[in-house]
Amino acid sequence: MDPMLLLESTVRGVIIGLTYAMIALGFNIVYRVNKSINFAHPVIVLMAAYVALVASYRYNPLLAYLLAVLAGVAASIAIERLVARPLLGRPPVALIGATLGIYYLIKGVTITIGGAETASLPIAYKLYNLGPITLGLNDIVSGLGSLLVLALVILLHMKTRLGSAMRAVAEDVEGAAAYGIPVRRLMSFSWALAGLIGALGGLFLAVKNQVSVELEFYAIRALAASLLAGLDSIGGVIVGGIVLGIAEEVGGLLLDDYLPGIGYDMAFFILLLVLFVKPYGLFGTERIERV
């Protein structure tokens, strides 16, 4: 095995892993306030990419990307107001089922309007030699953009009063409300933030891999990163995403000759192994229920 090829695969794994981690944040943020998985999150990723593509036919790229982000935020807020809020207090499976229905609804509308063909977003594709590694501008934009979003969201949660209030709601909704924290508004903000993250994730994935229906599968693998880290862990998703990204790229490099396509399944193999040992994820909080 060529060490330089292994190094380049590892770097590419880190890049896609950062994008996985960023998208995984969207799952974690919603889980912390609703204690349920938002299965509509992958379709927000897909929808944003298609909105950017369709809008780029009529407007300049920056405006198209802005419209895509706004569409992701608006869709996530609408899901919170129309679906998640009425289901507050119900068993988590109720929200899981409802967001699955929303997933198929938005996916159908998105593909009907945007088409199912693969297409590229308007971005200059250039190659850069970074020592022994060759990366495209699209790889650099995706990796650095994801890293910046991760840093900003973690700083928001850990270093601001808004983040403290969000952590309080995540820990104890009734206690937070008793202290005068606007729980409903913070829940709406959390969903909006998750929609923003999902939309940016869709753009970064589209820049890196083109726009296609395959993008939703990247978001589903990001859920694996979220589960690996622990659904209530914000910072842990960085480790989860990078581990799965490297496993995907390096595993594909080493094993594709023997098991074609194995790289794309490595995330789920690793997830299963970890969850057998740590059911709450690597950084999740173990909850003990008394009966």
Protein backbone atom coordinates (compact mmCIF):
# COMPACT_ATOMS: atom_id res chain seq x y z
CA MET A 1 0.00 0.00 0.00
CA ASP A 2 1.38 3.40 -1.05
CA PRO A 3 1.73 5.52 2.14
CA MET A 4 0.98 8.71 0.21
CA LEU A 5 -2.25 7.22 -1.13
CA LEU A 6 -3.19 6.19 2.40
CA LEU A 7 -2.42 9.71 3.65
CA GLU A 8 -4.54 11.30 0.94
CA SER A 9 -7.45 8.95 1.71
CA THR A 10 -7.16 9.85 5.39
CA VAL A 11 -7.27 13.58 4.61
CA ARG A 12 -10.30 13.08 2.38
CA GLY A 13 -11.88 11.07 5.19
CA VAL A 14 -11.35 13.96 7.60
CA ILE A 15 -12.96 16.37 5.09
CA ILE A 16 -16.10 14.30 4.55
CA GLY A 17 -16.09 13.46 8.26
CA LEU A 18 -16.31 17.15 9.16
CA THR A 19 -19.34 17.48 6.89
CA TYR A 20 -20.90 14.39 8.49
CA ALA A 21 -20.26 15.92 11.91
CA MET A 22 -21.83 19.23 10.92
CA ILE A 23 -24.98 17.58 9.58
CA ALA A 24 -25.07 15.33 12.67
CA LEU A 25 -25.33 18.46 14.80
CA GLY A 26 -28.78 19.03 13.32
CA PHE A 27 -29.95 15.66 14.64
CA ASN A 28 -28.42 16.30 18.05
CA ILE A 29 -29.83 19.80 18.49
CA VAL A 30 -33.39 18.64 17.83
CA TYR A 31 -32.96 15.54 19.98
CA ARG A 32 -31.83 17.62 22.94
CA VAL A 33 -35.04 19.67 22.99
CA ASN A 34 -37.57 17.08 21.79
CA LYS A 35 -35.93 13.82 22.93
CA SER A 36 -36.70 12.31 19.54
CA ILE A 37 -34.89 11.88 16.21
CA ASN A 38 -35.96 14.21 13.41
CA PHE A 39 -36.04 11.91 10.39
CA ALA A 40 -36.94 14.84 8.14
CA HIS A 41 -33.41 16.25 8.60
CA PRO A 42 -31.88 14.32 5.63
CA VAL A 43 -34.49 15.71 3.27
CA ILE A 44 -33.69 19.27 4.40
CA VAL A 45 -30.15 18.53 3.21
CA LEU A 46 -31.46 17.25 -0.13
CA MET A 47 -33.97 20.06 -0.59
CA ALA A 48 -31.41 22.81 0.01
CA ALA A 49 -29.10 21.40 -2.65
CA TYR A 50 -31.92 21.29 -5.20
CA VAL A 51 -33.15 24.78 -4.31
CA ALA A 52 -29.61 26.09 -4.87
CA LEU A 53 -29.42 24.27 -8.21
CA VAL A 54 -32.79 25.48 -9.52
CA ALA A 55 -32.23 29.04 -8.26
CA SER A 56 -28.77 29.15 -9.88
CA TYR A 57 -30.44 28.88 -13.30
CA ARG A 58 -32.05 32.29 -12.76
CA TYR A 59 -29.93 34.12 -10.18
CA ASN A 60 -26.27 34.55 -9.34
CA PRO A 61 -24.74 31.72 -7.24
CA LEU A 62 -24.54 33.65 -3.97
CA LEU A 63 -28.24 34.54 -4.11
CA ALA A 64 -29.07 30.93 -5.04
CA TYR A 65 -27.15 29.63 -2.02
CA LEU A 66 -28.84 32.18 0.25
CA LEU A 67 -32.26 31.10 -0.99
CA ALA A 68 -31.32 27.47 -0.31
CA VAL A 69 -30.34 28.28 3.28
CA LEU A 70 -33.54 30.26 3.85
CA ALA A 71 -35.59 27.39 2.42
CA GLY A 72 -33.94 24.94 4.84
CA VAL A 73 -34.57 27.19 7.83
CA ALA A 74 -38.18 27.88 6.79
CA ALA A 75 -38.93 24.18 6.25
CA SER A 76 -37.48 23.24 9.63
CA ILE A 77 -39.45 25.98 11.43
CA ALA A 78 -42.62 24.83 9.67
CA ILE A 79 -42.03 21.23 10.78
CA GLU A 80 -41.56 22.38 14.37
CA ARG A 81 -44.68 24.54 14.38
CA LEU A 82 -47.01 22.20 12.50
CA VAL A 83 -45.74 18.77 13.57
CA ALA A 84 -43.34 18.75 16.52
CA ARG A 85 -45.12 21.30 18.72
CA PRO A 86 -48.53 19.57 18.62
CA LEU A 87 -46.78 16.29 19.52
CA LEU A 88 -45.01 17.64 22.63
CA GLY A 89 -45.52 15.27 25.52
CA ARG A 90 -46.31 12.33 23.25
CA PRO A 91 -44.02 9.26 23.08
CA PRO A 92 -40.89 9.88 20.92
CA VAL A 93 -42.10 7.38 18.33
CA ALA A 94 -44.93 9.79 17.44
CA LEU A 95 -42.49 12.46 16.27
CA ILE A 96 -40.31 9.85 14.56
CA GLY A 97 -43.29 8.62 12.54
CA ALA A 98 -44.47 12.14 11.73
CA THR A 99 -41.05 13.32 10.53
CA LEU A 100 -40.70 10.19 8.40
CA GLY A 101 -43.95 11.19 6.69
CA ILE A 102 -42.63 14.72 6.17
CA TYR A 103 -39.40 13.23 4.79
CA TYR A 104 -41.22 11.42 1.98
CA LEU A 105 -43.51 14.37 1.28
CA ILE A 106 -40.67 16.90 0.88
CA LYS A 107 -38.54 14.42 -1.05
CA GLY A 108 -41.33 13.82 -3.56
CA VAL A 109 -41.93 17.53 -4.10
CA THR A 110 -38.19 18.24 -4.36
CA ILE A 111 -37.54 15.59 -7.00
CA THR A 112 -40.67 16.55 -8.94
CA ILE A 113 -39.55 20.18 -9.16
CA GLY A 114 -35.79 19.73 -9.38
CA GLY A 115 -35.60 16.48 -11.33
CA ALA A 116 -33.62 13.38 -10.43
CA GLU A 117 -30.65 14.00 -12.73
CA THR A 118 -27.17 14.66 -11.40
CA ALA A 119 -26.00 18.25 -11.90
CA SER A 120 -23.25 20.56 -10.65
CA LEU A 121 -23.56 23.77 -8.68
CA PRO A 122 -21.78 26.77 -10.21
CA ILE A 123 -18.35 26.76 -8.57
CA ALA A 124 -14.87 26.94 -10.04
CA TYR A 125 -13.25 23.52 -9.81
CA LYS A 126 -9.51 23.90 -9.31
CA LEU A 127 -6.86 21.51 -8.04
CA TYR A 128 -4.31 22.41 -5.39
CA ASN A 129 -1.19 20.46 -4.49
CA LEU A 130 -0.70 20.56 -0.72
CA GLY A 131 2.58 18.75 -0.41
CA PRO A 132 1.96 15.14 -1.50
CA ILE A 133 -1.82 15.61 -1.38
CA THR A 134 -3.99 16.89 -4.22
CA LEU A 135 -7.30 18.46 -3.24
CA GLY A 136 -9.94 20.23 -5.25
CA LEU A 137 -11.32 23.65 -4.37
CA ASN A 138 -14.62 21.89 -3.70
CA ASP A 139 -12.96 19.67 -1.07
CA ILE A 140 -11.38 22.68 0.62
CA VAL A 141 -14.63 24.68 0.64
CA SER A 142 -16.58 21.73 2.03
CA GLY A 143 -14.04 20.90 4.74
CA LEU A 144 -13.28 24.43 5.93
CA GLY A 145 -16.93 25.48 5.71
CA SER A 146 -18.03 22.51 7.81
CA LEU A 147 -15.28 23.17 10.35
CA LEU A 148 -16.31 26.83 10.65
CA VAL A 149 -19.98 25.95 11.21
CA LEU A 150 -19.04 23.32 13.81
CA ALA A 151 -16.88 25.81 15.68
CA LEU A 152 -19.54 28.53 15.65
CA VAL A 153 -22.35 26.25 16.84
CA ILE A 154 -20.23 24.77 19.64
CA LEU A 155 -19.17 28.26 20.73
CA LEU A 156 -22.83 29.31 20.71
CA HIS A 157 -23.74 26.41 22.99
CA MET A 158 -20.80 26.68 25.35
CA LYS A 159 -19.98 30.40 25.57
CA THR A 160 -23.21 32.40 25.21
CA ARG A 161 -26.28 33.05 27.38
CA LEU A 162 -28.44 31.70 24.57
CA GLY A 163 -26.43 28.49 24.62
CA SER A 164 -26.81 28.24 28.40
CA ALA A 165 -30.56 28.61 28.05
CA MET A 166 -30.61 25.92 25.35
CA ARG A 167 -28.65 23.58 27.61
CA ALA A 168 -31.09 24.26 30.44
CA VAL A 169 -34.05 23.36 28.23
CA ALA A 170 -32.25 20.22 27.07
CA GLU A 171 -31.65 19.12 30.66
CA ASP A 172 -35.05 19.94 32.20
CA VAL A 173 -37.86 21.59 30.25
CA GLU A 174 -40.14 22.12 33.24
CA GLY A 175 -37.32 23.44 35.43
CA ALA A 176 -36.21 25.84 32.68
CA ALA A 177 -39.77 27.14 32.29
CA ALA A 178 -40.00 27.64 36.07
CA TYR A 179 -36.95 29.92 35.89
CA GLY A 180 -38.64 32.05 33.22
CA ILE A 181 -36.72 30.69 30.23
CA PRO A 182 -38.86 30.99 27.06
CA VAL A 183 -38.96 27.27 26.32
CA ARG A 184 -41.18 27.40 23.22
CA ARG A 185 -39.09 30.10 21.57
CA LEU A 186 -35.89 28.21 22.30
CA MET A 187 -37.38 25.06 20.82
CA SER A 188 -38.29 26.97 17.67
CA PHE A 189 -34.80 28.46 17.54
CA SER A 190 -33.26 24.99 17.93
CA TRP A 191 -35.26 23.67 14.99
CA ALA A 192 -34.36 26.74 12.93
CA LEU A 193 -30.68 26.23 13.77
CA ALA A 194 -30.94 22.57 12.78
CA GLY A 195 -32.53 23.62 9.49
CA LEU A 196 -29.71 26.12 8.89
CA ILE A 197 -27.11 23.43 9.56
CA GLY A 198 -28.89 20.93 7.31
CA ALA A 199 -29.15 23.44 4.47
CA LEU A 200 -25.46 24.35 4.72
CA GLY A 201 -24.65 20.65 4.83
CA GLY A 202 -26.62 20.16 1.63
CA LEU A 203 -24.67 22.96 -0.06
CA PHE A 204 -21.29 21.64 1.08
CA LEU A 205 -22.16 18.13 -0.05
CA ALA A 206 -23.43 19.43 -3.40
CA VAL A 207 -20.27 21.46 -3.92
CA LYS A 208 -18.17 18.39 -3.15
CA ASN A 209 -20.22 15.66 -4.88
CA GLN A 210 -22.73 17.37 -7.22
CA VAL A 211 -26.50 17.61 -6.74
CA SER A 212 -28.30 14.28 -6.85
CA VAL A 213 -30.76 12.22 -4.85
CA GLU A 214 -27.73 10.42 -3.41
CA LEU A 215 -27.11 13.37 -1.08
CA GLU A 216 -29.75 12.15 1.35
CA PHE A 217 -27.68 9.02 1.98
CA TYR A 218 -24.79 11.18 3.15
CA ALA A 219 -27.19 12.75 5.65
CA ILE A 220 -28.30 9.30 6.80
CA ARG A 221 -24.66 8.37 7.38
CA ALA A 222 -24.40 11.58 9.38
CA LEU A 223 -27.10 10.14 11.64
CA ALA A 224 -24.73 7.24 12.23
CA ALA A 225 -22.12 9.78 13.36
CA SER A 226 -24.68 11.33 15.68
CA LEU A 227 -25.58 7.97 17.22
CA LEU A 228 -21.90 7.03 17.50
CA ALA A 229 -21.16 10.22 19.46
CA GLY A 230 -24.37 10.10 21.51
CA LEU A 231 -27.51 11.98 20.57
CA ASP A 232 -27.21 14.39 23.49
CA SER A 233 -23.56 15.23 22.79
CA ILE A 234 -22.79 18.39 20.80
CA GLY A 235 -18.99 18.39 20.72
CA GLY A 236 -18.75 14.59 20.43
CA VAL A 237 -20.16 14.61 16.90
CA ILE A 238 -16.83 15.94 15.63
CA VAL A 239 -15.10 12.76 16.76
CA GLY A 240 -17.97 10.61 15.49
CA GLY A 241 -18.02 12.26 12.08
CA ILE A 242 -14.26 12.14 11.56
CA VAL A 243 -14.01 8.51 12.69
CA LEU A 244 -16.71 7.49 10.23
CA GLY A 245 -15.31 9.63 7.42
CA ILE A 246 -11.83 8.12 7.76
CA ALA A 247 -13.28 4.61 8.08
CA GLU A 248 -15.29 5.16 4.91
CA GLU A 249 -12.37 6.44 2.82
CA VAL A 250 -9.59 4.21 4.17
CA GLY A 251 -11.85 1.17 4.43
CA GLY A 252 -12.85 1.64 0.80
CA LEU A 253 -9.21 2.01 -0.24
CA LEU A 254 -8.11 -1.16 1.55
CA LEU A 255 -11.11 -3.42 1.03
CA ASP A 256 -12.92 -2.36 -2.15
CA ASP A 257 -10.96 -4.86 -4.24
CA TYR A 258 -12.34 -7.67 -2.09
CA LEU A 259 -15.71 -6.26 -1.05
CA PRO A 260 -16.81 -3.64 -3.60
CA GLY A 261 -18.66 -0.73 -2.00
CA ILE A 262 -17.69 -1.73 1.55
CA GLY A 263 -16.43 1.80 2.29
CA TYR A 264 -19.97 3.21 2.24
CA ASP A 265 -21.10 0.62 4.80
CA MET A 266 -18.18 1.02 7.20
CA ALA A 267 -20.03 3.74 9.14
CA PHE A 268 -22.80 1.34 10.08
CA PHE A 269 -20.46 -1.53 10.96
CA ILE A 270 -18.54 0.73 13.33
CA LEU A 271 -21.79 2.09 14.75
CA LEU A 272 -23.06 -1.40 15.53
CA LEU A 273 -19.81 -2.39 17.22
CA VAL A 274 -19.74 0.73 19.39
CA LEU A 275 -23.42 0.56 20.36
CA PHE A 276 -23.00 -3.04 21.51
CA VAL A 277 -20.47 -1.76 24.06
CA LYS A 278 -21.81 1.77 24.72
CA PRO A 279 -25.55 1.92 23.89
CA TYR A 280 -25.67 5.68 24.55
CA GLY A 281 -22.75 6.41 22.20
CA LEU A 282 -19.16 7.35 22.93
CA PHE A 283 -20.04 10.64 24.62
CA GLY A 284 -23.75 10.25 25.36
CA THR A 285 -25.16 10.52 28.85
CA GLU A 286 -26.28 7.20 30.26
CA ARG A 287 -29.79 7.51 31.64
CA ILE A 288 -31.02 5.18 34.36
CA GLU A 289 -34.77 4.68 34.48
CA ARG A 290 -36.33 3.55 37.73
CA VAL A 291 -39.30 1.22 37.55
